[in-house]
Amino acid sequence: MIEGPPARVNFALELTSTGAATVLKAAGEIDASVSGELRDRLATAIESGTPVIADLTDVTFCDSTGLTALIHAHRAADAAGTRFVLVTRQRAVLRPISLLGLADMLEIHPDVEAARAAVG
């Protein structure tokens, strides 16, 4: 059997910056085949020094590697003295966050407008 890298799943990232905050919008499935890209894009956004909003509204699946990328981003933002917040109402994202006890660590908002208001 020939093994190669994992097949890429349905996934897209879009980065926008408004000056007051950087929004990284993810859509599709976050698993091991894309979590490295997510982690790298979040790290780059955090290095800009502005608050980062990870919009996960259109994420339909998030495995442990995706959650790890979010935890790394949270810690990097904390170390850089900036904010990192999530936007989601998706059970596929909220349930694993809750089960792993991460809800108290990660700041989660129901929509981008609420997140923008929170990061000011």
PDB file of N, CA and C in Angstrom:
ATOM      1  N   MET A   1       0.837  -1.173   0.000  1.00  0.00           N
ATOM      2  CA  MET A   1       0.000   0.000   0.000  1.00  0.00           C
ATOM      3  C   MET A   1       0.885   1.240   0.000  1.00  0.00           C
ATOM      4  N   ILE A   2       0.584   2.162  -0.867  1.00  0.00           N
ATOM      5  CA  ILE A   2       1.338   3.411  -0.953  1.00  0.00           C
ATOM      6  C   ILE A   2       0.641   4.456  -0.100  1.00  0.00           C
ATOM      7  N   GLU A   3       1.418   5.051   0.791  1.00  0.00           N
ATOM      8  CA  GLU A   3       0.859   6.095   1.635  1.00  0.00           C
ATOM      9  C   GLU A   3       1.491   7.419   1.270  1.00  0.00           C
ATOM     10  N   GLY A   4       0.700   8.444   1.291  1.00  0.00           N
ATOM     11  CA  GLY A   4       1.170   9.792   1.017  1.00  0.00           C
ATOM     12  C   GLY A   4       0.556  10.736   2.020  1.00  0.00           C
ATOM     13  N   PRO A   5       0.642  12.012   1.739  1.00  0.00           N
ATOM     14  CA  PRO A   5       0.029  12.978   2.637  1.00  0.00           C
ATOM     15  C   PRO A   5      -1.477  12.792   2.641  1.00  0.00           C
ATOM     16  N   PRO A   6      -2.135  13.188   3.731  1.00  0.00           N
ATOM     17  CA  PRO A   6      -3.580  13.040   3.781  1.00  0.00           C
ATOM     18  C   PRO A   6      -4.244  13.868   2.683  1.00  0.00           C
ATOM     19  N   ALA A   7      -5.339  13.360   2.176  1.00  0.00           N
ATOM     20  CA  ALA A   7      -6.079  14.089   1.143  1.00  0.00           C
ATOM     21  C   ALA A   7      -6.639  15.376   1.730  1.00  0.00           C
ATOM     22  N   ARG A   8      -6.614  16.414   0.944  1.00  0.00           N
ATOM     23  CA  ARG A   8      -7.126  17.706   1.390  1.00  0.00           C
ATOM     24  C   ARG A   8      -8.647  17.671   1.381  1.00  0.00           C
ATOM     25  N   VAL A   9      -9.232  18.167   2.440  1.00  0.00           N
ATOM     26  CA  VAL A   9     -10.683  18.199   2.558  1.00  0.00           C
ATOM     27  C   VAL A   9     -11.222  19.508   2.002  1.00  0.00           C
ATOM     28  N   ASN A  10     -12.524  19.638   1.999  1.00  0.00           N
ATOM     29  CA  ASN A  10     -13.189  20.864   1.584  1.00  0.00           C
ATOM     30  C   ASN A  10     -12.877  21.951   2.615  1.00  0.00           C
ATOM     31  N   PHE A  11     -12.054  22.921   2.226  1.00  0.00           N
ATOM     32  CA  PHE A  11     -11.605  23.930   3.183  1.00  0.00           C
ATOM     33  C   PHE A  11     -11.187  25.193   2.449  1.00  0.00           C
ATOM     34  N   ALA A  12     -11.507  26.342   3.032  1.00  0.00           N
ATOM     35  CA  ALA A  12     -11.100  27.626   2.453  1.00  0.00           C
ATOM     36  C   ALA A  12     -10.796  28.609   3.576  1.00  0.00           C
ATOM     37  N   LEU A  13      -9.825  29.477   3.329  1.00  0.00           N
ATOM     38  CA  LEU A  13      -9.466  30.551   4.262  1.00  0.00           C
ATOM     39  C   LEU A  13      -9.472  31.870   3.516  1.00  0.00           C
ATOM     40  N   GLU A  14      -9.991  32.895   4.176  1.00  0.00           N
ATOM     41  CA  GLU A  14      -9.989  34.243   3.604  1.00  0.00           C
ATOM     42  C   GLU A  14      -9.579  35.215   4.702  1.00  0.00           C
ATOM     43  N   LEU A  15      -8.596  36.040   4.422  1.00  0.00           N
ATOM     44  CA  LEU A  15      -8.068  36.985   5.400  1.00  0.00           C
ATOM     45  C   LEU A  15      -8.417  38.399   4.979  1.00  0.00           C
ATOM     46  N   THR A  16      -9.027  39.162   5.891  1.00  0.00           N
ATOM     47  CA  THR A  16      -9.310  40.573   5.639  1.00  0.00           C
ATOM     48  C   THR A  16      -8.865  41.378   6.849  1.00  0.00           C
ATOM     49  N   SER A  17      -8.363  42.567   6.588  1.00  0.00           N
ATOM     50  CA  SER A  17      -7.911  43.440   7.664  1.00  0.00           C
ATOM     51  C   SER A  17      -8.603  44.781   7.532  1.00  0.00           C
ATOM     52  N   THR A  18      -9.167  45.251   8.633  1.00  0.00           N
ATOM     53  CA  THR A  18      -9.867  46.527   8.625  1.00  0.00           C
ATOM     54  C   THR A  18      -9.102  47.601   9.375  1.00  0.00           C
ATOM     55  N   GLY A  19      -7.923  47.295   9.830  1.00  0.00           N
ATOM     56  CA  GLY A  19      -7.153  48.243  10.625  1.00  0.00           C
ATOM     57  C   GLY A  19      -7.377  48.015  12.107  1.00  0.00           C
ATOM     58  N   ALA A  20      -8.646  47.927  12.514  1.00  0.00           N
ATOM     59  CA  ALA A  20      -8.963  47.695  13.920  1.00  0.00           C
ATOM     60  C   ALA A  20      -8.856  46.225  14.293  1.00  0.00           C
ATOM     61  N   ALA A  21      -9.021  45.349  13.306  1.00  0.00           N
ATOM     62  CA  ALA A  21      -8.950  43.908  13.553  1.00  0.00           C
ATOM     63  C   ALA A  21      -8.661  43.174  12.254  1.00  0.00           C
ATOM     64  N   THR A  22      -8.109  41.996  12.391  1.00  0.00           N
ATOM     65  CA  THR A  22      -7.900  41.105  11.256  1.00  0.00           C
ATOM     66  C   THR A  22      -8.884  39.956  11.400  1.00  0.00           C
ATOM     67  N   VAL A  23      -9.627  39.684  10.337  1.00  0.00           N
ATOM     68  CA  VAL A  23     -10.604  38.594  10.357  1.00  0.00           C
ATOM     69  C   VAL A  23     -10.110  37.481   9.444  1.00  0.00           C
ATOM     70  N   LEU A  24      -9.978  36.297  10.014  1.00  0.00           N
ATOM     71  CA  LEU A  24      -9.636  35.111   9.237  1.00  0.00           C
ATOM     72  C   LEU A  24     -10.884  34.247   9.188  1.00  0.00           C
ATOM     73  N   LYS A  25     -11.498  34.192   8.015  1.00  0.00           N
ATOM     74  CA  LYS A  25     -12.725  33.417   7.836  1.00  0.00           C
ATOM     75  C   LYS A  25     -12.375  32.046   7.285  1.00  0.00           C
ATOM     76  N   ALA A  26     -12.772  31.027   8.017  1.00  0.00           N
ATOM     77  CA  ALA A  26     -12.555  29.646   7.595  1.00  0.00           C
ATOM     78  C   ALA A  26     -13.891  29.034   7.212  1.00  0.00           C
ATOM     79  N   ALA A  27     -13.851  28.158   6.224  1.00  0.00           N
ATOM     80  CA  ALA A  27     -15.063  27.462   5.801  1.00  0.00           C
ATOM     81  C   ALA A  27     -14.718  26.025   5.457  1.00  0.00           C
ATOM     82  N   GLY A  28     -15.632  25.133   5.769  1.00  0.00           N
ATOM     83  CA  GLY A  28     -15.438  23.728   5.440  1.00  0.00           C
ATOM     84  C   GLY A  28     -14.980  22.920   6.636  1.00  0.00           C
ATOM     85  N   GLU A  29     -14.132  21.942   6.377  1.00  0.00           N
ATOM     86  CA  GLU A  29     -13.684  20.995   7.392  1.00  0.00           C
ATOM     87  C   GLU A  29     -12.237  21.263   7.795  1.00  0.00           C
ATOM     88  N   ILE A  30     -12.015  21.331   9.103  1.00  0.00           N
ATOM     89  CA  ILE A  30     -10.658  21.528   9.620  1.00  0.00           C
ATOM     90  C   ILE A  30     -10.186  20.201  10.203  1.00  0.00           C
ATOM     91  N   ASP A  31      -9.181  19.623   9.547  1.00  0.00           N
ATOM     92  CA  ASP A  31      -8.578  18.386  10.043  1.00  0.00           C
ATOM     93  C   ASP A  31      -7.072  18.454   9.834  1.00  0.00           C
ATOM     94  N   ALA A  32      -6.394  17.339  10.003  1.00  0.00           N
ATOM     95  CA  ALA A  32      -4.931  17.307   9.927  1.00  0.00           C
ATOM     96  C   ALA A  32      -4.392  17.766   8.581  1.00  0.00           C
ATOM     97  N   SER A  33      -5.173  17.627   7.522  1.00  0.00           N
ATOM     98  CA  SER A  33      -4.675  18.015   6.198  1.00  0.00           C
ATOM     99  C   SER A  33      -4.645  19.529   5.997  1.00  0.00           C
ATOM    100  N   VAL A  34      -5.356  20.287   6.843  1.00  0.00           N
ATOM    101  CA  VAL A  34      -5.398  21.747   6.669  1.00  0.00           C
ATOM    102  C   VAL A  34      -5.046  22.525   7.935  1.00  0.00           C
ATOM    103  N   SER A  35      -4.913  21.839   9.061  1.00  0.00           N
ATOM    104  CA  SER A  35      -4.683  22.558  10.317  1.00  0.00           C
ATOM    105  C   SER A  35      -3.359  23.312  10.332  1.00  0.00           C
ATOM    106  N   GLY A  36      -2.351  22.810   9.629  1.00  0.00           N
ATOM    107  CA  GLY A  36      -1.073  23.521   9.549  1.00  0.00           C
ATOM    108  C   GLY A  36      -1.226  24.856   8.842  1.00  0.00           C
ATOM    109  N   GLU A  37      -1.989  24.871   7.766  1.00  0.00           N
ATOM    110  CA  GLU A  37      -2.254  26.121   7.048  1.00  0.00           C
ATOM    111  C   GLU A  37      -3.016  27.094   7.944  1.00  0.00           C
ATOM    112  N   LEU A  38      -4.013  26.594   8.666  1.00  0.00           N
ATOM    113  CA  LEU A  38      -4.768  27.437   9.592  1.00  0.00           C
ATOM    114  C   LEU A  38      -3.838  28.006  10.653  1.00  0.00           C
ATOM    115  N   ARG A  39      -3.017  27.164  11.254  1.00  0.00           N
ATOM    116  CA  ARG A  39      -2.079  27.608  12.299  1.00  0.00           C
ATOM    117  C   ARG A  39      -1.138  28.689  11.771  1.00  0.00           C
ATOM    118  N   ASP A  40      -0.596  28.479  10.565  1.00  0.00           N
ATOM    119  CA  ASP A  40       0.335  29.446   9.980  1.00  0.00           C
ATOM    120  C   ASP A  40      -0.341  30.772   9.677  1.00  0.00           C
ATOM    121  N   ARG A  41      -1.541  30.722   9.124  1.00  0.00           N
ATOM    122  CA  ARG A  41      -2.251  31.964   8.791  1.00  0.00           C
ATOM    123  C   ARG A  41      -2.647  32.729  10.053  1.00  0.00           C
ATOM    124  N   LEU A  42      -3.046  32.007  11.093  1.00  0.00           N
ATOM    125  CA  LEU A  42      -3.361  32.664  12.361  1.00  0.00           C
ATOM    126  C   LEU A  42      -2.112  33.300  12.959  1.00  0.00           C
ATOM    127  N   ALA A  43      -0.985  32.606  12.910  1.00  0.00           N
ATOM    128  CA  ALA A  43       0.270  33.143  13.451  1.00  0.00           C
ATOM    129  C   ALA A  43       0.670  34.417  12.724  1.00  0.00           C
ATOM    130  N   THR A  44       0.547  34.420  11.406  1.00  0.00           N
ATOM    131  CA  THR A  44       0.874  35.612  10.616  1.00  0.00           C
ATOM    132  C   THR A  44      -0.044  36.765  10.985  1.00  0.00           C
ATOM    133  N   ALA A  45      -1.327  36.482  11.141  1.00  0.00           N
ATOM    134  CA  ALA A  45      -2.285  37.529  11.506  1.00  0.00           C
ATOM    135  C   ALA A  45      -1.966  38.096  12.884  1.00  0.00           C
ATOM    136  N   ILE A  46      -1.629  37.247  13.827  1.00  0.00           N
ATOM    137  CA  ILE A  46      -1.315  37.694  15.185  1.00  0.00           C
ATOM    138  C   ILE A  46      -0.052  38.542  15.197  1.00  0.00           C
ATOM    139  N   GLU A  47       0.911  38.212  14.355  1.00  0.00           N
ATOM    140  CA  GLU A  47       2.148  38.995  14.277  1.00  0.00           C
ATOM    141  C   GLU A  47       1.900  40.427  13.827  1.00  0.00           C
ATOM    142  N   SER A  48       0.771  40.699  13.197  1.00  0.00           N
ATOM    143  CA  SER A  48       0.454  42.062  12.749  1.00  0.00           C
ATOM    144  C   SER A  48       0.200  42.993  13.927  1.00  0.00           C
ATOM    145  N   GLY A  49      -0.118  42.424  15.091  1.00  0.00           N
ATOM    146  CA  GLY A  49      -0.327  43.235  16.281  1.00  0.00           C
ATOM    147  C   GLY A  49      -1.755  43.686  16.497  1.00  0.00           C
ATOM    148  N   THR A  50      -2.616  43.516  15.500  1.00  0.00           N
ATOM    149  CA  THR A  50      -4.021  43.886  15.677  1.00  0.00           C
ATOM    150  C   THR A  50      -4.789  42.688  16.224  1.00  0.00           C
ATOM    151  N   PRO A  51      -5.928  42.934  16.876  1.00  0.00           N
ATOM    152  CA  PRO A  51      -6.746  41.806  17.330  1.00  0.00           C
ATOM    153  C   PRO A  51      -7.118  40.902  16.157  1.00  0.00           C
ATOM    154  N   VAL A  52      -7.214  39.610  16.424  1.00  0.00           N
ATOM    155  CA  VAL A  52      -7.543  38.632  15.385  1.00  0.00           C
ATOM    156  C   VAL A  52      -8.872  37.965  15.726  1.00  0.00           C
ATOM    157  N   ILE A  53      -9.748  37.970  14.743  1.00  0.00           N
ATOM    158  CA  ILE A  53     -11.047  37.315  14.858  1.00  0.00           C
ATOM    159  C   ILE A  53     -11.029  36.106  13.935  1.00  0.00           C
ATOM    160  N   ALA A  54     -11.176  34.920  14.500  1.00  0.00           N
ATOM    161  CA  ALA A  54     -11.268  33.699  13.695  1.00  0.00           C
ATOM    162  C   ALA A  54     -12.749  33.402  13.495  1.00  0.00           C
ATOM    163  N   ASP A  55     -13.231  33.677  12.290  1.00  0.00           N
ATOM    164  CA  ASP A  55     -14.641  33.469  11.964  1.00  0.00           C
ATOM    165  C   ASP A  55     -14.824  32.026  11.497  1.00  0.00           C
ATOM    166  N   LEU A  56     -15.396  31.213  12.370  1.00  0.00           N
ATOM    167  CA  LEU A  56     -15.595  29.793  12.089  1.00  0.00           C
ATOM    168  C   LEU A  56     -17.066  29.483  11.808  1.00  0.00           C
ATOM    169  N   THR A  57     -17.816  30.506  11.430  1.00  0.00           N
ATOM    170  CA  THR A  57     -19.245  30.367  11.177  1.00  0.00           C
ATOM    171  C   THR A  57     -19.552  29.269  10.171  1.00  0.00           C
ATOM    172  N   ASP A  58     -18.720  29.138   9.145  1.00  0.00           N
ATOM    173  CA  ASP A  58     -18.971  28.171   8.078  1.00  0.00           C
ATOM    174  C   ASP A  58     -18.129  26.902   8.193  1.00  0.00           C
ATOM    175  N   VAL A  59     -17.569  26.654   9.369  1.00  0.00           N
ATOM    176  CA  VAL A  59     -16.806  25.423   9.595  1.00  0.00           C
ATOM    177  C   VAL A  59     -17.786  24.309   9.965  1.00  0.00           C
ATOM    178  N   THR A  60     -17.710  23.202   9.254  1.00  0.00           N
ATOM    179  CA  THR A  60     -18.637  22.088   9.462  1.00  0.00           C
ATOM    180  C   THR A  60     -18.032  20.936  10.251  1.00  0.00           C
ATOM    181  N   PHE A  61     -16.717  20.969  10.462  1.00  0.00           N
ATOM    182  CA  PHE A  61     -16.026  19.914  11.208  1.00  0.00           C
ATOM    183  C   PHE A  61     -14.713  20.483  11.718  1.00  0.00           C
ATOM    184  N   CYS A  62     -14.355  20.127  12.953  1.00  0.00           N
ATOM    185  CA  CYS A  62     -13.073  20.565  13.510  1.00  0.00           C
ATOM    186  C   CYS A  62     -12.539  19.454  14.408  1.00  0.00           C
ATOM    187  N   ASP A  63     -11.404  18.871  14.007  1.00  0.00           N
ATOM    188  CA  ASP A  63     -10.824  17.794  14.810  1.00  0.00           C
ATOM    189  C   ASP A  63      -9.807  18.356  15.802  1.00  0.00           C
ATOM    190  N   SER A  64      -9.121  17.468  16.486  1.00  0.00           N
ATOM    191  CA  SER A  64      -8.183  17.887  17.533  1.00  0.00           C
ATOM    192  C   SER A  64      -7.037  18.735  16.989  1.00  0.00           C
ATOM    193  N   THR A  65      -6.629  18.506  15.739  1.00  0.00           N
ATOM    194  CA  THR A  65      -5.544  19.319  15.180  1.00  0.00           C
ATOM    195  C   THR A  65      -6.013  20.748  14.932  1.00  0.00           C
ATOM    196  N   GLY A  66      -7.269  20.912  14.576  1.00  0.00           N
ATOM    197  CA  GLY A  66      -7.833  22.252  14.416  1.00  0.00           C
ATOM    198  C   GLY A  66      -7.933  22.966  15.747  1.00  0.00           C
ATOM    199  N   LEU A  67      -8.381  22.242  16.767  1.00  0.00           N
ATOM    200  CA  LEU A  67      -8.454  22.829  18.107  1.00  0.00           C
ATOM    201  C   LEU A  67      -7.067  23.209  18.608  1.00  0.00           C
ATOM    202  N   THR A  68      -6.082  22.383  18.310  1.00  0.00           N
ATOM    203  CA  THR A  68      -4.708  22.694  18.701  1.00  0.00           C
ATOM    204  C   THR A  68      -4.237  23.980  18.035  1.00  0.00           C
ATOM    205  N   ALA A  69      -4.580  24.182  16.771  1.00  0.00           N
ATOM    206  CA  ALA A  69      -4.219  25.422  16.071  1.00  0.00           C
ATOM    207  C   ALA A  69      -4.856  26.626  16.753  1.00  0.00           C
ATOM    208  N   LEU A  70      -6.097  26.485  17.203  1.00  0.00           N
ATOM    209  CA  LEU A  70      -6.780  27.585  17.893  1.00  0.00           C
ATOM    210  C   LEU A  70      -6.138  27.868  19.248  1.00  0.00           C
ATOM    211  N   ILE A  71      -5.748  26.827  19.955  1.00  0.00           N
ATOM    212  CA  ILE A  71      -5.078  27.006  21.249  1.00  0.00           C
ATOM    213  C   ILE A  71      -3.726  27.693  21.056  1.00  0.00           C
ATOM    214  N   HIS A  72      -2.973  27.280  20.044  1.00  0.00           N
ATOM    215  CA  HIS A  72      -1.688  27.930  19.752  1.00  0.00           C
ATOM    216  C   HIS A  72      -1.900  29.407  19.439  1.00  0.00           C
ATOM    217  N   ALA A  73      -2.931  29.715  18.673  1.00  0.00           N
ATOM    218  CA  ALA A  73      -3.217  31.112  18.330  1.00  0.00           C
ATOM    219  C   ALA A  73      -3.572  31.909  19.577  1.00  0.00           C
ATOM    220  N   HIS A  74      -4.372  31.327  20.444  1.00  0.00           N
ATOM    221  CA  HIS A  74      -4.740  31.998  21.693  1.00  0.00           C
ATOM    222  C   HIS A  74      -3.489  32.321  22.512  1.00  0.00           C
ATOM    223  N   ARG A  75      -2.615  31.343  22.643  1.00  0.00           N
ATOM    224  CA  ARG A  75      -1.388  31.543  23.433  1.00  0.00           C
ATOM    225  C   ARG A  75      -0.453  32.559  22.773  1.00  0.00           C
ATOM    226  N   ALA A  76      -0.349  32.512  21.446  1.00  0.00           N
ATOM    227  CA  ALA A  76       0.508  33.467  20.731  1.00  0.00           C
ATOM    228  C   ALA A  76      -0.024  34.886  20.880  1.00  0.00           C
ATOM    229  N   ALA A  77      -1.333  35.047  20.787  1.00  0.00           N
ATOM    230  CA  ALA A  77      -1.932  36.374  20.945  1.00  0.00           C
ATOM    231  C   ALA A  77      -1.704  36.891  22.358  1.00  0.00           C
ATOM    232  N   ASP A  78      -1.866  36.030  23.337  1.00  0.00           N
ATOM    233  CA  ASP A  78      -1.636  36.411  24.726  1.00  0.00           C
ATOM    234  C   ASP A  78      -0.192  36.859  24.923  1.00  0.00           C
ATOM    235  N   ALA A  79       0.748  36.105  24.366  1.00  0.00           N
ATOM    236  CA  ALA A  79       2.169  36.454  24.480  1.00  0.00           C
ATOM    237  C   ALA A  79       2.490  37.753  23.754  1.00  0.00           C
ATOM    238  N   ALA A  80       1.764  38.032  22.665  1.00  0.00           N
ATOM    239  CA  ALA A  80       1.999  39.250  21.880  1.00  0.00           C
ATOM    240  C   ALA A  80       1.235  40.450  22.430  1.00  0.00           C
ATOM    241  N   GLY A  81       0.404  40.212  23.437  1.00  0.00           N
ATOM    242  CA  GLY A  81      -0.359  41.307  24.030  1.00  0.00           C
ATOM    243  C   GLY A  81      -1.512  41.779  23.166  1.00  0.00           C
ATOM    244  N   THR A  82      -2.077  40.887  22.373  1.00  0.00           N
ATOM    245  CA  THR A  82      -3.220  41.250  21.541  1.00  0.00           C
ATOM    246  C   THR A  82      -4.361  40.279  21.805  1.00  0.00           C
ATOM    247  N   ARG A  83      -5.497  40.512  21.172  1.00  0.00           N
ATOM    248  CA  ARG A  83      -6.685  39.681  21.392  1.00  0.00           C
ATOM    249  C   ARG A  83      -6.846  38.659  20.280  1.00  0.00           C
ATOM    250  N   PHE A  84      -7.367  37.504  20.647  1.00  0.00           N
ATOM    251  CA  PHE A  84      -7.742  36.454  19.704  1.00  0.00           C
ATOM    252  C   PHE A  84      -9.108  35.950  20.124  1.00  0.00           C
ATOM    253  N   VAL A  85     -10.090  36.106  19.246  1.00  0.00           N
ATOM    254  CA  VAL A  85     -11.449  35.674  19.565  1.00  0.00           C
ATOM    255  C   VAL A  85     -11.999  34.809  18.436  1.00  0.00           C
ATOM    256  N   LEU A  86     -12.941  33.959  18.797  1.00  0.00           N
ATOM    257  CA  LEU A  86     -13.594  33.081  17.831  1.00  0.00           C
ATOM    258  C   LEU A  86     -15.015  33.551  17.584  1.00  0.00           C
ATOM    259  N   VAL A  87     -15.502  33.268  16.387  1.00  0.00           N
ATOM    260  CA  VAL A  87     -16.900  33.495  16.043  1.00  0.00           C
ATOM    261  C   VAL A  87     -17.452  32.173  15.544  1.00  0.00           C
ATOM    262  N   THR A  88     -18.456  31.676  16.239  1.00  0.00           N
ATOM    263  CA  THR A  88     -19.130  30.463  15.772  1.00  0.00           C
ATOM    264  C   THR A  88     -20.393  30.209  16.575  1.00  0.00           C
ATOM    265  N   ARG A  89     -21.327  29.581  15.900  1.00  0.00           N
ATOM    266  CA  ARG A  89     -22.507  29.006  16.540  1.00  0.00           C
ATOM    267  C   ARG A  89     -22.611  27.528  16.159  1.00  0.00           C
ATOM    268  N   GLN A  90     -21.597  27.054  15.447  1.00  0.00           N
ATOM    269  CA  GLN A  90     -21.608  25.693  14.916  1.00  0.00           C
ATOM    270  C   GLN A  90     -21.351  24.661  16.018  1.00  0.00           C
ATOM    271  N   ARG A  91     -22.243  23.718  16.122  1.00  0.00           N
ATOM    272  CA  ARG A  91     -22.083  22.632  17.090  1.00  0.00           C
ATOM    273  C   ARG A  91     -20.799  21.848  16.818  1.00  0.00           C
ATOM    274  N   ALA A  92     -20.433  21.736  15.546  1.00  0.00           N
ATOM    275  CA  ALA A  92     -19.225  20.992  15.167  1.00  0.00           C
ATOM    276  C   ALA A  92     -17.962  21.611  15.760  1.00  0.00           C
ATOM    277  N   VAL A  93     -18.023  22.878  16.112  1.00  0.00           N
ATOM    278  CA  VAL A  93     -16.887  23.565  16.729  1.00  0.00           C
ATOM    279  C   VAL A  93     -17.106  23.709  18.235  1.00  0.00           C
ATOM    280  N   LEU A  94     -18.307  24.110  18.627  1.00  0.00           N
ATOM    281  CA  LEU A  94     -18.581  24.366  20.036  1.00  0.00           C
ATOM    282  C   LEU A  94     -18.538  23.104  20.900  1.00  0.00           C
ATOM    283  N   ARG A  95     -19.025  22.006  20.374  1.00  0.00           N
ATOM    284  CA  ARG A  95     -19.074  20.773  21.175  1.00  0.00           C
ATOM    285  C   ARG A  95     -17.682  20.292  21.585  1.00  0.00           C
ATOM    286  N   PRO A  96     -16.734  20.150  20.655  1.00  0.00           N
ATOM    287  CA  PRO A  96     -15.407  19.711  21.110  1.00  0.00           C
ATOM    288  C   PRO A  96     -14.735  20.723  22.038  1.00  0.00           C
ATOM    289  N   ILE A  97     -14.968  22.009  21.806  1.00  0.00           N
ATOM    290  CA  ILE A  97     -14.414  23.028  22.706  1.00  0.00           C
ATOM    291  C   ILE A  97     -14.960  22.818  24.114  1.00  0.00           C
ATOM    292  N   SER A  98     -16.253  22.586  24.206  1.00  0.00           N
ATOM    293  CA  SER A  98     -16.888  22.363  25.501  1.00  0.00           C
ATOM    294  C   SER A  98     -16.415  21.063  26.152  1.00  0.00           C
ATOM    295  N   LEU A  99     -16.380  19.984  25.381  1.00  0.00           N
ATOM    296  CA  LEU A  99     -15.972  18.682  25.926  1.00  0.00           C
ATOM    297  C   LEU A  99     -14.548  18.690  26.463  1.00  0.00           C
ATOM    298  N   LEU A 100     -13.681  19.478  25.842  1.00  0.00           N
ATOM    299  CA  LEU A 100     -12.285  19.546  26.272  1.00  0.00           C
ATOM    300  C   LEU A 100     -12.035  20.614  27.332  1.00  0.00           C
ATOM    301  N   GLY A 101     -13.095  21.302  27.750  1.00  0.00           N
ATOM    302  CA  GLY A 101     -12.955  22.311  28.790  1.00  0.00           C
ATOM    303  C   GLY A 101     -12.245  23.572  28.331  1.00  0.00           C
ATOM    304  N   LEU A 102     -12.349  23.880  27.037  1.00  0.00           N
ATOM    305  CA  LEU A 102     -11.657  25.046  26.483  1.00  0.00           C
ATOM    306  C   LEU A 102     -12.531  26.296  26.434  1.00  0.00           C
ATOM    307  N   ALA A 103     -13.806  26.169  26.781  1.00  0.00           N
ATOM    308  CA  ALA A 103     -14.726  27.303  26.672  1.00  0.00           C
ATOM    309  C   ALA A 103     -14.320  28.462  27.580  1.00  0.00           C
ATOM    310  N   ASP A 104     -13.697  28.165  28.705  1.00  0.00           N
ATOM    311  CA  ASP A 104     -13.255  29.232  29.604  1.00  0.00           C
ATOM    312  C   ASP A 104     -11.980  29.903  29.114  1.00  0.00           C
ATOM    313  N   MET A 105     -11.207  29.209  28.304  1.00  0.00           N
ATOM    314  CA  MET A 105      -9.959  29.775  27.790  1.00  0.00           C
ATOM    315  C   MET A 105     -10.196  30.594  26.526  1.00  0.00           C
ATOM    316  N   LEU A 106     -10.999  30.069  25.614  1.00  0.00           N
ATOM    317  CA  LEU A 106     -11.216  30.719  24.323  1.00  0.00           C
ATOM    318  C   LEU A 106     -12.408  31.662  24.394  1.00  0.00           C
ATOM    319  N   GLU A 107     -12.228  32.875  23.901  1.00  0.00           N
ATOM    320  CA  GLU A 107     -13.309  33.857  23.868  1.00  0.00           C
ATOM    321  C   GLU A 107     -14.127  33.624  22.601  1.00  0.00           C
ATOM    322  N   ILE A 108     -15.424  33.336  22.784  1.00  0.00           N
ATOM    323  CA  ILE A 108     -16.280  32.966  21.662  1.00  0.00           C
ATOM    324  C   ILE A 108     -17.456  33.925  21.567  1.00  0.00           C
ATOM    325  N   HIS A 109     -17.718  34.406  20.340  1.00  0.00           N
ATOM    326  CA  HIS A 109     -18.835  35.307  20.074  1.00  0.00           C
ATOM    327  C   HIS A 109     -19.748  34.694  19.020  1.00  0.00           C
ATOM    328  N   PRO A 110     -21.039  35.080  19.034  1.00  0.00           N
ATOM    329  CA  PRO A 110     -21.990  34.480  18.094  1.00  0.00           C
ATOM    330  C   PRO A 110     -21.893  35.004  16.669  1.00  0.00           C
ATOM    331  N   ASP A 111     -21.325  36.204  16.496  1.00  0.00           N
ATOM    332  CA  ASP A 111     -21.199  36.762  15.146  1.00  0.00           C
ATOM    333  C   ASP A 111     -20.025  37.738  15.089  1.00  0.00           C
ATOM    334  N   VAL A 112     -19.640  38.090  13.875  1.00  0.00           N
ATOM    335  CA  VAL A 112     -18.469  38.953  13.671  1.00  0.00           C
ATOM    336  C   VAL A 112     -18.697  40.334  14.276  1.00  0.00           C
ATOM    337  N   GLU A 113     -19.917  40.849  14.187  1.00  0.00           N
ATOM    338  CA  GLU A 113     -20.199  42.173  14.745  1.00  0.00           C
ATOM    339  C   GLU A 113     -19.943  42.198  16.252  1.00  0.00           C
ATOM    340  N   ALA A 114     -20.388  41.169  16.956  1.00  0.00           N
ATOM    341  CA  ALA A 114     -20.153  41.087  18.403  1.00  0.00           C
ATOM    342  C   ALA A 114     -18.659  40.964  18.699  1.00  0.00           C
ATOM    343  N   ALA A 115     -17.953  40.210  17.886  1.00  0.00           N
ATOM    344  CA  ALA A 115     -16.507  40.057  18.077  1.00  0.00           C
ATOM    345  C   ALA A 115     -15.788  41.381  17.847  1.00  0.00           C
ATOM    346  N   ARG A 116     -16.179  42.097  16.784  1.00  0.00           N
ATOM    347  CA  ARG A 116     -15.564  43.411  16.514  1.00  0.00           C
ATOM    348  C   ARG A 116     -15.803  44.369  17.673  1.00  0.00           C
ATOM    349  N   ALA A 117     -17.009  44.367  18.207  1.00  0.00           N
ATOM    350  CA  ALA A 117     -17.324  45.237  19.340  1.00  0.00           C
ATOM    351  C   ALA A 117     -16.483  44.860  20.561  1.00  0.00           C
ATOM    352  N   ALA A 118     -16.257  43.576  20.755  1.00  0.00           N
ATOM    353  CA  ALA A 118     -15.492  43.112  21.914  1.00  0.00           C
ATOM    354  C   ALA A 118     -14.026  43.498  21.832  1.00  0.00           C
ATOM    355  N   VAL A 119     -13.462  43.463  20.623  1.00  0.00           N
ATOM    356  CA  VAL A 119     -12.034  43.778  20.496  1.00  0.00           C
ATOM    357  C   VAL A 119     -11.797  45.264  20.315  1.00  0.00           C
ATOM    358  N   GLY A 120     -12.890  45.999  20.062  1.00  0.00           N
ATOM    359  CA  GLY A 120     -12.872  47.450  19.995  1.00  0.00           C
ATOM    360  C   GLY A 120     -11.955  48.051  19.048  1.00  0.00           C
TER     361      GLY A 120
END
